[in-house]
Amino acid sequence: MFKKLLIVAGVVGAAVLIARKIKQSSDERALWHEATTAPDLR
């Protein structure tokens, strides 16, 4: 029982780390897009 709980906790922890990394990558890409896009001066 304890072994299964430990495996589930490891999988959940890995999923959280992967989700956090994907969000950081997305945020950085959005920031670069904003910084490198010409301003709309209409």
C-alpha atoms as a PDB file:
ATOM      1  CA  MET A   1       0.000   0.000   0.000  1.00  0.00           C
ATOM      2  CA  PHE A   2       2.742   2.453   0.955  1.00  0.00           C
ATOM      3  CA  LYS A   3       4.664   1.629  -2.209  1.00  0.00           C
ATOM      4  CA  LYS A   4       1.659   2.475  -4.413  1.00  0.00           C
ATOM      5  CA  LEU A   5       1.137   5.752  -2.550  1.00  0.00           C
ATOM      6  CA  LEU A   6       4.789   6.655  -3.056  1.00  0.00           C
ATOM      7  CA  ILE A   7       4.544   5.920  -6.794  1.00  0.00           C
ATOM      8  CA  VAL A   8       1.390   8.025  -7.135  1.00  0.00           C
ATOM      9  CA  ALA A   9       3.033  10.897  -5.238  1.00  0.00           C
ATOM     10  CA  GLY A  10       6.048  10.698  -7.574  1.00  0.00           C
ATOM     11  CA  VAL A  11       3.870  10.779 -10.686  1.00  0.00           C
ATOM     12  CA  VAL A  12       1.861  13.736  -9.367  1.00  0.00           C
ATOM     13  CA  GLY A  13       5.056  15.581  -8.435  1.00  0.00           C
ATOM     14  CA  ALA A  14       6.504  15.025 -11.899  1.00  0.00           C
ATOM     15  CA  ALA A  15       3.266  16.243 -13.511  1.00  0.00           C
ATOM     16  CA  VAL A  16       3.358  19.428 -11.425  1.00  0.00           C
ATOM     17  CA  LEU A  17       6.976  20.107 -12.406  1.00  0.00           C
ATOM     18  CA  ILE A  18       6.224  19.535 -16.104  1.00  0.00           C
ATOM     19  CA  ALA A  19       3.145  21.804 -15.973  1.00  0.00           C
ATOM     20  CA  ARG A  20       5.170  24.537 -14.253  1.00  0.00           C
ATOM     21  CA  LYS A  21       7.922  24.290 -16.891  1.00  0.00           C
ATOM     22  CA  ILE A  22       5.379  24.509 -19.736  1.00  0.00           C
ATOM     23  CA  LYS A  23       3.765  27.594 -18.154  1.00  0.00           C
ATOM     24  CA  GLN A  24       7.144  29.303 -17.728  1.00  0.00           C
ATOM     25  CA  SER A  25       7.983  28.594 -21.360  1.00  0.00           C
ATOM     26  CA  SER A  26       4.640  29.964 -22.508  1.00  0.00           C
ATOM     27  CA  ASP A  27       5.000  33.105 -20.378  1.00  0.00           C
ATOM     28  CA  GLU A  28       8.510  33.730 -21.708  1.00  0.00           C
ATOM     29  CA  ARG A  29       7.358  33.249 -25.312  1.00  0.00           C
ATOM     30  CA  ALA A  30       4.509  35.740 -24.773  1.00  0.00           C
ATOM     31  CA  LEU A  31       6.920  38.252 -23.251  1.00  0.00           C
ATOM     32  CA  TRP A  32       9.321  37.944 -26.201  1.00  0.00           C
ATOM     33  CA  HIS A  33       6.429  38.337 -28.619  1.00  0.00           C
ATOM     34  CA  GLU A  34       5.332  41.521 -26.866  1.00  0.00           C
ATOM     35  CA  ALA A  35       8.886  42.884 -26.756  1.00  0.00           C
ATOM     36  CA  THR A  36       9.656  42.201 -30.405  1.00  0.00           C
ATOM     37  CA  THR A  37       6.329  43.188 -31.976  1.00  0.00           C
ATOM     38  CA  ALA A  38       6.133  46.701 -33.379  1.00  0.00           C
ATOM     39  CA  PRO A  39       3.775  48.924 -31.421  1.00  0.00           C
ATOM     40  CA  ASP A  40       0.404  49.737 -32.936  1.00  0.00           C
ATOM     41  CA  LEU A  41       0.473  53.546 -33.248  1.00  0.00           C
ATOM     42  CA  ARG A  42      -2.803  54.101 -35.059  1.00  0.00           C
END
